[in-house]
Each structure stands twice: as structure tokens, then as C-alpha cells.
Amino acid sequence: MHGTEADTAALREEVAGVLEPLGLRLSQAKTRITHMSDGFDFLGFRIQWKRKGGTTKWHVYTFIADRPIRSLKAKVRALTGRTSQQDLATVLKRITQIMRGWANYFKHAVAKHVFDRLDAFVWWRLIRMLRERHRWSWGDVRRRFTTVNGRWRPIAADGIELFRIASVTVSRYRYRASTIPNPWQPANPV
């Protein structure tokens, strides 16, 4: 909202008045007034007003917050410990489930670089786990996971292939306008 902090506080009281007949209330602990350039975390997303690179225009961006990234990495670390004795197919299946669900939730954020970094993180965790488990040298890894012409093959076991989170298409800022029902705005005339 554009305006002063007093305008925002007045709007908060107005929203509280709208919610009261519905049996809802704003939590004072969770509701705070902040400037958009400082940003705020909401449902795992970091919403922040930033300047678009290479221009003088400012836009509101939706990033993935740090906490969900740390949580995902902790889950992957728990599954791919170097002394883990789970078979590779079980580990791949569970990692694929976690990564696919996570990617589908966050694919509407500014997420492409995060997905690329997470893809590399998971790949290296699995390679380190396999090297420790089988006592492979780096040459053994290259021999098992590259093709004849030197391209890397996906890590797979028993028909289960590692899900590449970087392959998820990011679709940001879909224009939906009047398709979202809004009781405070009159319907668009046809």
C-alpha cells in the first residue's frame, strides 16, 4: 500500500473490522507493518520490493525464503549420509518425492537459480555417499556415470532415476485479474 505508517495502521484496523464478523482476528504477534524494500517472509516465500537488474524500475519479487532451503538440504543430508546403509533405489525414490513436491510448491517464485544450486547439491551428496559406500575413486565415478562421449548420465537404480529439480519450468506472475473472486469489488461487466 502507498502511504504513511499511520495509513497502514488504519488499514489494519479496517481489515480487523472485516474479519470480526467472520469469526476471525489478526494475530498481534504475527501482524507487523514493514516497508516492502525490507521484505517479509510468508508461507515459505520472501516477498520483497527490489530494483530490476539493468533498469531503474522497481518490482515486487517473490523469492524462496532461506528457511525452506535449509530444511530441504537437511532432509537430503539425512537421507544421503556417508555411512547410510539404505539401498540407492530407496534413497532415490524418497529424494525424488521430496524434490518433486518442493519444486511444485515453489515453482511460482524467482526460483531458477535456487533449483540449479539444489540440483548440484543433491547430485554431489549422492556421489559422495556412493564413493564412501563403495570406496570408488573419482575415476570409478566417471567410468560408471558418463557415456562414451563424456556426457554425464543421470544417477539411477532399479529403474528409478534421480529427479532433476532444475528441469522444472518456473512460471512466475501469471496474470489472473478478474478470475480471482473478490467480494469487495464489483464483477466486471461483460
N, C-alpha and C. Protein backbone atom coordinates (compact mmCIF):
# COMPACT_ATOMS: atom_id res chain seq x y z
N MET A 1 0.84 -1.16 0.00
CA MET A 1 0.00 0.00 0.00
C MET A 1 0.88 1.23 0.00
N HIS A 2 0.49 2.24 -0.70
CA HIS A 2 1.20 3.51 -0.69
C HIS A 2 0.64 4.37 0.42
N GLY A 3 1.50 5.00 1.18
CA GLY A 3 1.05 5.88 2.25
C GLY A 3 2.00 5.82 3.42
N THR A 4 1.59 6.49 4.49
CA THR A 4 2.42 6.54 5.69
C THR A 4 2.13 5.33 6.57
N GLU A 5 2.91 5.24 7.64
CA GLU A 5 2.71 4.15 8.58
C GLU A 5 1.36 4.29 9.29
N ALA A 6 0.92 5.52 9.50
CA ALA A 6 -0.39 5.75 10.12
C ALA A 6 -1.52 5.25 9.20
N ASP A 7 -1.36 5.47 7.89
CA ASP A 7 -2.36 4.96 6.93
C ASP A 7 -2.43 3.44 6.98
N THR A 8 -1.27 2.82 7.10
CA THR A 8 -1.22 1.36 7.15
C THR A 8 -1.85 0.83 8.44
N ALA A 9 -1.61 1.53 9.55
CA ALA A 9 -2.22 1.12 10.82
C ALA A 9 -3.74 1.25 10.75
N ALA A 10 -4.23 2.31 10.10
CA ALA A 10 -5.67 2.48 9.94
C ALA A 10 -6.25 1.36 9.07
N LEU A 11 -5.53 0.97 8.03
CA LEU A 11 -5.98 -0.12 7.17
C LEU A 11 -6.02 -1.44 7.94
N ARG A 12 -5.04 -1.63 8.83
CA ARG A 12 -5.03 -2.85 9.64
C ARG A 12 -6.28 -2.92 10.51
N GLU A 13 -6.68 -1.79 11.09
CA GLU A 13 -7.90 -1.76 11.90
C GLU A 13 -9.13 -2.04 11.04
N GLU A 14 -9.13 -1.53 9.81
CA GLU A 14 -10.25 -1.78 8.90
C GLU A 14 -10.34 -3.27 8.54
N VAL A 15 -9.21 -3.89 8.28
CA VAL A 15 -9.17 -5.32 7.97
C VAL A 15 -9.65 -6.12 9.17
N ALA A 16 -9.25 -5.72 10.37
CA ALA A 16 -9.70 -6.41 11.58
C ALA A 16 -11.22 -6.31 11.71
N GLY A 17 -11.78 -5.15 11.33
CA GLY A 17 -13.24 -4.98 11.35
C GLY A 17 -13.95 -5.88 10.36
N VAL A 18 -13.34 -6.11 9.20
CA VAL A 18 -13.93 -7.00 8.19
C VAL A 18 -13.86 -8.46 8.65
N LEU A 19 -12.78 -8.82 9.31
CA LEU A 19 -12.60 -10.21 9.74
C LEU A 19 -13.45 -10.58 10.95
N GLU A 20 -13.78 -9.59 11.80
CA GLU A 20 -14.50 -9.87 13.04
C GLU A 20 -15.86 -10.55 12.81
N PRO A 21 -16.71 -10.09 11.88
CA PRO A 21 -17.99 -10.79 11.67
C PRO A 21 -17.81 -12.23 11.17
N LEU A 22 -16.65 -12.53 10.58
CA LEU A 22 -16.38 -13.87 10.08
C LEU A 22 -15.85 -14.79 11.18
N GLY A 23 -15.66 -14.24 12.38
CA GLY A 23 -15.14 -15.04 13.49
C GLY A 23 -13.63 -15.18 13.43
N LEU A 24 -12.96 -14.29 12.71
CA LEU A 24 -11.51 -14.34 12.58
C LEU A 24 -10.91 -13.09 13.21
N ARG A 25 -9.63 -13.16 13.53
CA ARG A 25 -8.95 -11.99 14.08
C ARG A 25 -7.49 -12.00 13.63
N LEU A 26 -6.91 -10.82 13.58
CA LEU A 26 -5.50 -10.69 13.25
C LEU A 26 -4.66 -10.98 14.49
N SER A 27 -3.65 -11.78 14.34
CA SER A 27 -2.74 -12.07 15.44
C SER A 27 -1.76 -10.90 15.58
N GLN A 28 -1.71 -10.31 16.78
CA GLN A 28 -0.81 -9.18 17.00
C GLN A 28 0.65 -9.62 16.92
N ALA A 29 0.92 -10.87 17.26
CA ALA A 29 2.30 -11.37 17.22
C ALA A 29 2.78 -11.56 15.78
N LYS A 30 1.85 -11.91 14.88
CA LYS A 30 2.25 -12.20 13.50
C LYS A 30 2.04 -11.03 12.55
N THR A 31 1.20 -10.08 12.93
CA THR A 31 0.90 -8.95 12.04
C THR A 31 1.84 -7.81 12.36
N ARG A 32 2.60 -7.40 11.37
CA ARG A 32 3.51 -6.28 11.57
C ARG A 32 3.54 -5.42 10.32
N ILE A 33 3.90 -4.18 10.50
CA ILE A 33 3.98 -3.24 9.39
C ILE A 33 5.45 -3.13 9.02
N THR A 34 5.75 -3.36 7.76
CA THR A 34 7.13 -3.31 7.29
C THR A 34 7.17 -2.65 5.91
N HIS A 35 8.30 -2.08 5.59
CA HIS A 35 8.45 -1.48 4.26
C HIS A 35 8.74 -2.59 3.26
N MET A 36 8.20 -2.47 2.06
CA MET A 36 8.35 -3.53 1.06
C MET A 36 9.80 -3.74 0.63
N SER A 37 10.63 -2.71 0.72
CA SER A 37 12.03 -2.91 0.35
C SER A 37 12.75 -3.76 1.40
N ASP A 38 12.24 -3.79 2.64
CA ASP A 38 12.80 -4.67 3.67
C ASP A 38 12.33 -6.10 3.46
N GLY A 39 11.15 -6.26 2.89
CA GLY A 39 10.61 -7.58 2.59
C GLY A 39 10.07 -8.29 3.82
N PHE A 40 9.36 -9.38 3.57
CA PHE A 40 8.81 -10.19 4.65
C PHE A 40 8.66 -11.63 4.17
N ASP A 41 8.67 -12.56 5.12
CA ASP A 41 8.51 -13.98 4.81
C ASP A 41 7.06 -14.37 5.03
N PHE A 42 6.51 -15.13 4.07
CA PHE A 42 5.13 -15.58 4.17
C PHE A 42 5.01 -16.93 3.48
N LEU A 43 4.60 -17.95 4.23
CA LEU A 43 4.38 -19.30 3.71
C LEU A 43 5.58 -19.85 2.94
N GLY A 44 6.78 -19.57 3.42
CA GLY A 44 7.99 -20.09 2.79
C GLY A 44 8.54 -19.22 1.67
N PHE A 45 7.85 -18.13 1.36
CA PHE A 45 8.30 -17.22 0.32
C PHE A 45 8.83 -15.95 0.96
N ARG A 46 9.77 -15.30 0.29
CA ARG A 46 10.29 -13.99 0.70
C ARG A 46 9.77 -12.99 -0.32
N ILE A 47 8.90 -12.10 0.11
CA ILE A 47 8.29 -11.11 -0.79
C ILE A 47 8.99 -9.79 -0.54
N GLN A 48 9.56 -9.22 -1.61
CA GLN A 48 10.40 -8.04 -1.44
C GLN A 48 10.33 -7.16 -2.67
N TRP A 49 10.40 -5.86 -2.42
CA TRP A 49 10.41 -4.86 -3.48
C TRP A 49 11.86 -4.58 -3.83
N LYS A 50 12.26 -4.86 -5.09
CA LYS A 50 13.65 -4.69 -5.50
C LYS A 50 13.72 -4.05 -6.87
N ARG A 51 14.87 -3.47 -7.14
CA ARG A 51 15.10 -2.89 -8.45
C ARG A 51 15.43 -4.00 -9.43
N LYS A 52 14.81 -3.96 -10.59
CA LYS A 52 15.08 -4.96 -11.62
C LYS A 52 16.48 -4.70 -12.16
N GLY A 53 17.27 -5.77 -12.27
CA GLY A 53 18.64 -5.63 -12.73
C GLY A 53 18.75 -5.00 -14.11
N GLY A 54 19.66 -4.05 -14.25
CA GLY A 54 19.89 -3.42 -15.54
C GLY A 54 18.91 -2.31 -15.89
N THR A 55 17.97 -2.02 -14.99
CA THR A 55 16.99 -0.96 -15.25
C THR A 55 16.86 -0.08 -14.01
N THR A 56 16.01 0.93 -14.13
CA THR A 56 15.71 1.77 -12.98
C THR A 56 14.32 1.48 -12.43
N LYS A 57 13.69 0.42 -12.92
CA LYS A 57 12.34 0.07 -12.50
C LYS A 57 12.38 -0.82 -11.26
N TRP A 58 11.39 -0.62 -10.40
CA TRP A 58 11.27 -1.41 -9.17
C TRP A 58 10.05 -2.31 -9.29
N HIS A 59 10.19 -3.56 -8.83
CA HIS A 59 9.11 -4.54 -8.89
C HIS A 59 9.06 -5.31 -7.57
N VAL A 60 7.91 -5.90 -7.30
CA VAL A 60 7.77 -6.78 -6.14
C VAL A 60 8.08 -8.20 -6.61
N TYR A 61 9.08 -8.81 -6.00
CA TYR A 61 9.50 -10.15 -6.36
C TYR A 61 9.14 -11.13 -5.25
N THR A 62 8.88 -12.36 -5.64
CA THR A 62 8.60 -13.44 -4.70
C THR A 62 9.74 -14.44 -4.80
N PHE A 63 10.58 -14.46 -3.78
CA PHE A 63 11.72 -15.37 -3.73
C PHE A 63 11.39 -16.55 -2.81
N ILE A 64 12.23 -17.57 -2.84
CA ILE A 64 12.12 -18.65 -1.86
C ILE A 64 12.90 -18.20 -0.63
N ALA A 65 12.28 -18.28 0.54
CA ALA A 65 12.94 -17.87 1.78
C ALA A 65 14.08 -18.84 2.11
N ASP A 66 14.96 -18.42 3.00
CA ASP A 66 16.12 -19.24 3.37
C ASP A 66 15.73 -20.49 4.16
N ARG A 67 14.73 -20.36 5.00
CA ARG A 67 14.35 -21.47 5.88
C ARG A 67 13.92 -22.73 5.13
N PRO A 68 13.06 -22.64 4.10
CA PRO A 68 12.71 -23.87 3.37
C PRO A 68 13.90 -24.50 2.64
N ILE A 69 14.83 -23.68 2.18
CA ILE A 69 16.02 -24.22 1.51
C ILE A 69 16.86 -25.01 2.51
N ARG A 70 17.06 -24.42 3.70
CA ARG A 70 17.82 -25.13 4.74
C ARG A 70 17.12 -26.42 5.14
N SER A 71 15.79 -26.38 5.22
CA SER A 71 15.02 -27.57 5.59
C SER A 71 15.17 -28.67 4.55
N LEU A 72 15.10 -28.30 3.27
CA LEU A 72 15.25 -29.29 2.20
C LEU A 72 16.64 -29.91 2.23
N LYS A 73 17.66 -29.07 2.41
CA LYS A 73 19.03 -29.59 2.47
C LYS A 73 19.22 -30.53 3.65
N ALA A 74 18.59 -30.22 4.77
CA ALA A 74 18.70 -31.09 5.95
C ALA A 74 18.06 -32.45 5.67
N LYS A 75 16.94 -32.47 4.96
CA LYS A 75 16.29 -33.74 4.62
C LYS A 75 17.17 -34.56 3.69
N VAL A 76 17.79 -33.89 2.72
CA VAL A 76 18.67 -34.60 1.78
C VAL A 76 19.90 -35.13 2.52
N ARG A 77 20.45 -34.32 3.43
CA ARG A 77 21.62 -34.77 4.21
C ARG A 77 21.28 -35.99 5.06
N ALA A 78 20.07 -35.99 5.62
CA ALA A 78 19.66 -37.13 6.45
C ALA A 78 19.56 -38.41 5.62
N LEU A 79 19.14 -38.28 4.37
CA LEU A 79 19.00 -39.46 3.51
C LEU A 79 20.32 -39.92 2.90
N THR A 80 21.26 -38.99 2.73
CA THR A 80 22.49 -39.32 2.00
C THR A 80 23.72 -39.26 2.88
N GLY A 81 23.58 -39.61 4.13
CA GLY A 81 24.75 -39.65 4.99
C GLY A 81 25.79 -40.60 4.41
N ARG A 82 27.05 -40.30 4.62
CA ARG A 82 28.11 -41.10 4.00
C ARG A 82 28.15 -42.53 4.53
N THR A 83 27.60 -42.72 5.71
CA THR A 83 27.56 -44.07 6.26
C THR A 83 26.17 -44.69 6.15
N SER A 84 25.32 -44.10 5.33
CA SER A 84 23.95 -44.60 5.15
C SER A 84 23.99 -45.99 4.51
N GLN A 85 23.17 -46.89 5.04
CA GLN A 85 23.14 -48.25 4.51
C GLN A 85 21.87 -48.53 3.70
N GLN A 86 21.04 -47.52 3.46
CA GLN A 86 19.86 -47.71 2.62
C GLN A 86 20.31 -47.96 1.20
N ASP A 87 19.57 -48.82 0.49
CA ASP A 87 19.95 -49.06 -0.89
C ASP A 87 19.64 -47.82 -1.72
N LEU A 88 20.36 -47.67 -2.82
CA LEU A 88 20.28 -46.47 -3.64
C LEU A 88 18.88 -46.24 -4.18
N ALA A 89 18.17 -47.28 -4.56
CA ALA A 89 16.81 -47.12 -5.11
C ALA A 89 15.88 -46.49 -4.09
N THR A 90 15.97 -46.90 -2.85
CA THR A 90 15.13 -46.33 -1.79
C THR A 90 15.45 -44.86 -1.57
N VAL A 91 16.74 -44.54 -1.54
CA VAL A 91 17.17 -43.15 -1.35
C VAL A 91 16.69 -42.30 -2.52
N LEU A 92 16.88 -42.79 -3.75
CA LEU A 92 16.45 -42.03 -4.93
C LEU A 92 14.94 -41.81 -4.94
N LYS A 93 14.19 -42.82 -4.57
CA LYS A 93 12.73 -42.69 -4.55
C LYS A 93 12.30 -41.62 -3.56
N ARG A 94 12.87 -41.65 -2.36
CA ARG A 94 12.48 -40.68 -1.33
C ARG A 94 12.92 -39.26 -1.70
N ILE A 95 14.15 -39.12 -2.22
CA ILE A 95 14.63 -37.79 -2.63
C ILE A 95 13.77 -37.25 -3.76
N THR A 96 13.39 -38.10 -4.70
CA THR A 96 12.54 -37.68 -5.81
C THR A 96 11.19 -37.19 -5.30
N GLN A 97 10.61 -37.89 -4.35
CA GLN A 97 9.32 -37.46 -3.79
C GLN A 97 9.45 -36.09 -3.12
N ILE A 98 10.48 -35.92 -2.33
CA ILE A 98 10.68 -34.66 -1.62
C ILE A 98 10.92 -33.52 -2.60
N MET A 99 11.82 -33.74 -3.56
CA MET A 99 12.19 -32.69 -4.51
C MET A 99 11.03 -32.31 -5.43
N ARG A 100 10.27 -33.29 -5.88
CA ARG A 100 9.16 -33.01 -6.78
C ARG A 100 8.08 -32.17 -6.07
N GLY A 101 7.75 -32.55 -4.85
CA GLY A 101 6.76 -31.79 -4.09
C GLY A 101 7.24 -30.38 -3.79
N TRP A 102 8.50 -30.26 -3.42
CA TRP A 102 9.09 -28.96 -3.11
C TRP A 102 9.11 -28.07 -4.35
N ALA A 103 9.50 -28.63 -5.48
CA ALA A 103 9.57 -27.85 -6.73
C ALA A 103 8.18 -27.40 -7.18
N ASN A 104 7.19 -28.26 -7.05
CA ASN A 104 5.84 -27.87 -7.46
C ASN A 104 5.28 -26.77 -6.57
N TYR A 105 5.68 -26.73 -5.31
CA TYR A 105 5.20 -25.67 -4.43
C TYR A 105 5.88 -24.34 -4.75
N PHE A 106 7.19 -24.37 -5.01
CA PHE A 106 7.96 -23.13 -5.17
C PHE A 106 8.18 -22.72 -6.62
N LYS A 107 7.56 -23.38 -7.59
CA LYS A 107 7.85 -23.06 -8.99
C LYS A 107 7.27 -21.72 -9.43
N HIS A 108 6.47 -21.07 -8.59
CA HIS A 108 5.91 -19.77 -8.96
C HIS A 108 6.72 -18.61 -8.39
N ALA A 109 7.86 -18.91 -7.79
CA ALA A 109 8.74 -17.88 -7.24
C ALA A 109 9.91 -17.65 -8.20
N VAL A 110 10.77 -16.69 -7.84
CA VAL A 110 12.02 -16.50 -8.57
C VAL A 110 12.91 -17.64 -8.11
N ALA A 111 12.90 -18.75 -8.86
CA ALA A 111 13.46 -19.98 -8.32
C ALA A 111 14.47 -20.69 -9.20
N LYS A 112 14.72 -20.23 -10.40
CA LYS A 112 15.55 -21.00 -11.33
C LYS A 112 16.97 -21.21 -10.79
N HIS A 113 17.59 -20.16 -10.26
CA HIS A 113 18.95 -20.31 -9.75
C HIS A 113 18.98 -21.19 -8.50
N VAL A 114 17.95 -21.06 -7.67
CA VAL A 114 17.87 -21.91 -6.47
C VAL A 114 17.73 -23.37 -6.89
N PHE A 115 16.89 -23.64 -7.89
CA PHE A 115 16.72 -25.01 -8.38
C PHE A 115 18.03 -25.56 -8.92
N ASP A 116 18.78 -24.75 -9.66
CA ASP A 116 20.08 -25.20 -10.19
C ASP A 116 21.04 -25.55 -9.06
N ARG A 117 21.11 -24.69 -8.04
CA ARG A 117 22.01 -24.95 -6.91
C ARG A 117 21.60 -26.19 -6.14
N LEU A 118 20.30 -26.38 -5.95
CA LEU A 118 19.82 -27.57 -5.23
C LEU A 118 20.08 -28.84 -6.03
N ASP A 119 19.95 -28.75 -7.35
CA ASP A 119 20.24 -29.89 -8.21
C ASP A 119 21.69 -30.33 -8.03
N ALA A 120 22.60 -29.36 -8.05
CA ALA A 120 24.03 -29.67 -7.86
C ALA A 120 24.27 -30.21 -6.45
N PHE A 121 23.62 -29.64 -5.46
CA PHE A 121 23.79 -30.09 -4.07
C PHE A 121 23.40 -31.56 -3.92
N VAL A 122 22.23 -31.93 -4.46
CA VAL A 122 21.75 -33.31 -4.34
C VAL A 122 22.68 -34.26 -5.09
N TRP A 123 23.10 -33.87 -6.29
CA TRP A 123 23.99 -34.72 -7.09
C TRP A 123 25.28 -35.00 -6.33
N TRP A 124 25.90 -33.95 -5.77
CA TRP A 124 27.15 -34.13 -5.04
C TRP A 124 26.96 -34.96 -3.78
N ARG A 125 25.84 -34.78 -3.09
CA ARG A 125 25.58 -35.60 -1.90
C ARG A 125 25.50 -37.08 -2.26
N LEU A 126 24.81 -37.39 -3.35
CA LEU A 126 24.68 -38.79 -3.77
C LEU A 126 26.03 -39.36 -4.21
N ILE A 127 26.79 -38.59 -4.97
CA ILE A 127 28.10 -39.06 -5.42
C ILE A 127 29.01 -39.32 -4.22
N ARG A 128 29.02 -38.41 -3.25
CA ARG A 128 29.86 -38.62 -2.06
C ARG A 128 29.42 -39.85 -1.28
N MET A 129 28.10 -40.05 -1.19
CA MET A 129 27.59 -41.23 -0.49
C MET A 129 28.05 -42.51 -1.20
N LEU A 130 27.94 -42.54 -2.52
CA LEU A 130 28.33 -43.72 -3.29
C LEU A 130 29.84 -43.95 -3.23
N ARG A 131 30.62 -42.88 -3.29
CA ARG A 131 32.08 -43.02 -3.21
C ARG A 131 32.49 -43.60 -1.86
N GLU A 132 31.86 -43.14 -0.80
CA GLU A 132 32.20 -43.64 0.54
C GLU A 132 31.76 -45.09 0.70
N ARG A 133 30.56 -45.38 0.23
CA ARG A 133 30.00 -46.73 0.41
C ARG A 133 30.79 -47.78 -0.36
N HIS A 134 31.15 -47.46 -1.62
CA HIS A 134 31.80 -48.45 -2.48
C HIS A 134 33.31 -48.25 -2.60
N ARG A 135 33.84 -47.24 -1.91
CA ARG A 135 35.26 -46.90 -1.96
C ARG A 135 35.74 -46.68 -3.40
N TRP A 136 34.94 -45.90 -4.12
CA TRP A 136 35.28 -45.58 -5.51
C TRP A 136 36.23 -44.40 -5.55
N SER A 137 37.12 -44.42 -6.52
CA SER A 137 37.92 -43.24 -6.80
C SER A 137 37.10 -42.35 -7.74
N TRP A 138 37.61 -41.16 -8.01
CA TRP A 138 36.91 -40.28 -8.93
C TRP A 138 36.86 -40.89 -10.33
N GLY A 139 37.89 -41.62 -10.70
CA GLY A 139 37.90 -42.31 -12.00
C GLY A 139 36.80 -43.36 -12.08
N ASP A 140 36.56 -44.07 -10.98
CA ASP A 140 35.46 -45.05 -10.95
C ASP A 140 34.11 -44.37 -11.15
N VAL A 141 33.94 -43.22 -10.52
CA VAL A 141 32.68 -42.47 -10.67
C VAL A 141 32.48 -42.06 -12.12
N ARG A 142 33.52 -41.53 -12.73
CA ARG A 142 33.41 -41.10 -14.13
C ARG A 142 33.12 -42.29 -15.04
N ARG A 143 33.74 -43.41 -14.78
CA ARG A 143 33.53 -44.59 -15.60
C ARG A 143 32.08 -45.09 -15.50
N ARG A 144 31.49 -45.01 -14.32
CA ARG A 144 30.14 -45.52 -14.11
C ARG A 144 29.05 -44.53 -14.52
N PHE A 145 29.33 -43.23 -14.46
CA PHE A 145 28.27 -42.25 -14.68
C PHE A 145 28.49 -41.34 -15.88
N THR A 146 29.37 -41.71 -16.80
CA THR A 146 29.48 -40.94 -18.04
C THR A 146 29.27 -41.86 -19.23
N THR A 147 28.84 -41.25 -20.33
CA THR A 147 28.65 -42.02 -21.56
C THR A 147 29.98 -42.10 -22.29
N VAL A 148 29.98 -42.75 -23.44
CA VAL A 148 31.20 -42.92 -24.22
C VAL A 148 31.76 -41.57 -24.67
N ASN A 149 30.86 -40.63 -24.99
CA ASN A 149 31.33 -39.32 -25.45
C ASN A 149 31.52 -38.32 -24.31
N GLY A 150 31.51 -38.78 -23.05
CA GLY A 150 31.86 -37.93 -21.92
C GLY A 150 30.71 -37.20 -21.25
N ARG A 151 29.48 -37.42 -21.68
CA ARG A 151 28.33 -36.76 -21.03
C ARG A 151 27.95 -37.51 -19.76
N TRP A 152 27.49 -36.75 -18.77
CA TRP A 152 27.07 -37.37 -17.51
C TRP A 152 25.72 -38.03 -17.67
N ARG A 153 25.62 -39.24 -17.17
CA ARG A 153 24.34 -39.95 -17.14
C ARG A 153 23.63 -39.62 -15.83
N PRO A 154 22.31 -39.68 -15.81
CA PRO A 154 21.61 -39.46 -14.54
C PRO A 154 21.86 -40.61 -13.58
N ILE A 155 21.85 -40.30 -12.30
CA ILE A 155 22.02 -41.34 -11.29
C ILE A 155 20.71 -42.12 -11.21
N ALA A 156 20.79 -43.43 -11.36
CA ALA A 156 19.59 -44.27 -11.37
C ALA A 156 19.91 -45.62 -10.75
N ALA A 157 18.85 -46.26 -10.23
CA ALA A 157 18.98 -47.61 -9.68
C ALA A 157 17.62 -48.28 -9.74
N ASP A 158 17.58 -49.51 -10.22
CA ASP A 158 16.34 -50.30 -10.31
C ASP A 158 15.23 -49.55 -11.03
N GLY A 159 15.58 -48.84 -12.08
CA GLY A 159 14.58 -48.13 -12.87
C GLY A 159 14.13 -46.80 -12.27
N ILE A 160 14.68 -46.41 -11.13
CA ILE A 160 14.32 -45.13 -10.50
C ILE A 160 15.46 -44.15 -10.77
N GLU A 161 15.12 -43.06 -11.43
CA GLU A 161 16.11 -42.07 -11.82
C GLU A 161 15.99 -40.84 -10.92
N LEU A 162 17.12 -40.22 -10.61
CA LEU A 162 17.12 -39.02 -9.78
C LEU A 162 16.35 -37.91 -10.48
N PHE A 163 15.40 -37.31 -9.76
CA PHE A 163 14.61 -36.20 -10.30
C PHE A 163 15.48 -34.96 -10.35
N ARG A 164 15.52 -34.32 -11.51
CA ARG A 164 16.29 -33.10 -11.68
C ARG A 164 15.38 -31.91 -11.41
N ILE A 165 15.56 -31.28 -10.27
CA ILE A 165 14.70 -30.15 -9.90
C ILE A 165 14.93 -28.97 -10.84
N ALA A 166 16.12 -28.90 -11.45
CA ALA A 166 16.41 -27.81 -12.38
C ALA A 166 15.59 -27.92 -13.66
N SER A 167 15.00 -29.08 -13.91
CA SER A 167 14.20 -29.25 -15.13
C SER A 167 12.77 -28.73 -14.97
N VAL A 168 12.40 -28.32 -13.76
CA VAL A 168 11.04 -27.81 -13.53
C VAL A 168 10.92 -26.42 -14.14
N THR A 169 9.84 -26.22 -14.89
CA THR A 169 9.59 -24.92 -15.51
C THR A 169 9.06 -23.95 -14.47
N VAL A 170 9.72 -22.81 -14.36
CA VAL A 170 9.28 -21.77 -13.42
C VAL A 170 8.28 -20.88 -14.15
N SER A 171 7.07 -20.74 -13.59
CA SER A 171 6.05 -19.88 -14.22
C SER A 171 5.66 -18.81 -13.22
N ARG A 172 6.26 -17.64 -13.36
CA ARG A 172 6.03 -16.57 -12.40
C ARG A 172 4.95 -15.61 -12.88
N TYR A 173 4.30 -14.99 -11.92
CA TYR A 173 3.42 -13.85 -12.15
C TYR A 173 2.39 -14.07 -13.24
N ARG A 174 1.61 -15.12 -13.09
CA ARG A 174 0.54 -15.37 -14.04
C ARG A 174 -0.53 -14.31 -13.85
N TYR A 175 -0.95 -13.65 -14.93
CA TYR A 175 -1.99 -12.62 -14.84
C TYR A 175 -3.33 -13.31 -14.73
N ARG A 176 -4.02 -13.10 -13.61
CA ARG A 176 -5.31 -13.75 -13.42
C ARG A 176 -6.42 -12.73 -13.19
N ALA A 177 -6.11 -11.55 -12.79
CA ALA A 177 -7.02 -10.42 -12.60
C ALA A 177 -8.42 -10.81 -12.15
N SER A 178 -9.39 -10.72 -13.04
CA SER A 178 -10.79 -10.87 -12.65
C SER A 178 -11.20 -12.32 -12.41
N THR A 179 -10.31 -13.29 -12.65
CA THR A 179 -10.69 -14.68 -12.41
C THR A 179 -10.64 -15.03 -10.92
N ILE A 180 -10.04 -14.16 -10.11
CA ILE A 180 -9.99 -14.38 -8.67
C ILE A 180 -11.22 -13.70 -8.07
N PRO A 181 -12.12 -14.46 -7.43
CA PRO A 181 -13.32 -13.85 -6.87
C PRO A 181 -12.97 -12.89 -5.73
N ASN A 182 -13.64 -11.74 -5.71
CA ASN A 182 -13.37 -10.72 -4.73
C ASN A 182 -14.70 -10.10 -4.30
N PRO A 183 -15.14 -10.32 -3.06
CA PRO A 183 -16.44 -9.80 -2.65
C PRO A 183 -16.48 -8.28 -2.49
N TRP A 184 -15.34 -7.60 -2.43
CA TRP A 184 -15.33 -6.16 -2.23
C TRP A 184 -15.22 -5.39 -3.54
N GLN A 185 -15.14 -6.09 -4.64
CA GLN A 185 -15.03 -5.45 -5.93
C GLN A 185 -16.17 -5.93 -6.81
N PRO A 186 -16.86 -5.02 -7.48
CA PRO A 186 -17.97 -5.47 -8.33
C PRO A 186 -17.47 -6.33 -9.48
N ALA A 187 -18.34 -7.22 -9.93
CA ALA A 187 -17.98 -8.10 -11.05
C ALA A 187 -17.79 -7.26 -12.30
N ASN A 188 -16.87 -7.70 -13.15
CA ASN A 188 -16.62 -6.99 -14.40
C ASN A 188 -17.82 -7.14 -15.33
N PRO A 189 -18.30 -6.04 -15.90
CA PRO A 189 -19.41 -6.17 -16.85
C PRO A 189 -18.94 -6.85 -18.13
N VAL A 190 -19.79 -7.67 -18.66
CA VAL A 190 -19.43 -8.41 -19.88
C VAL A 190 -19.93 -7.70 -21.09
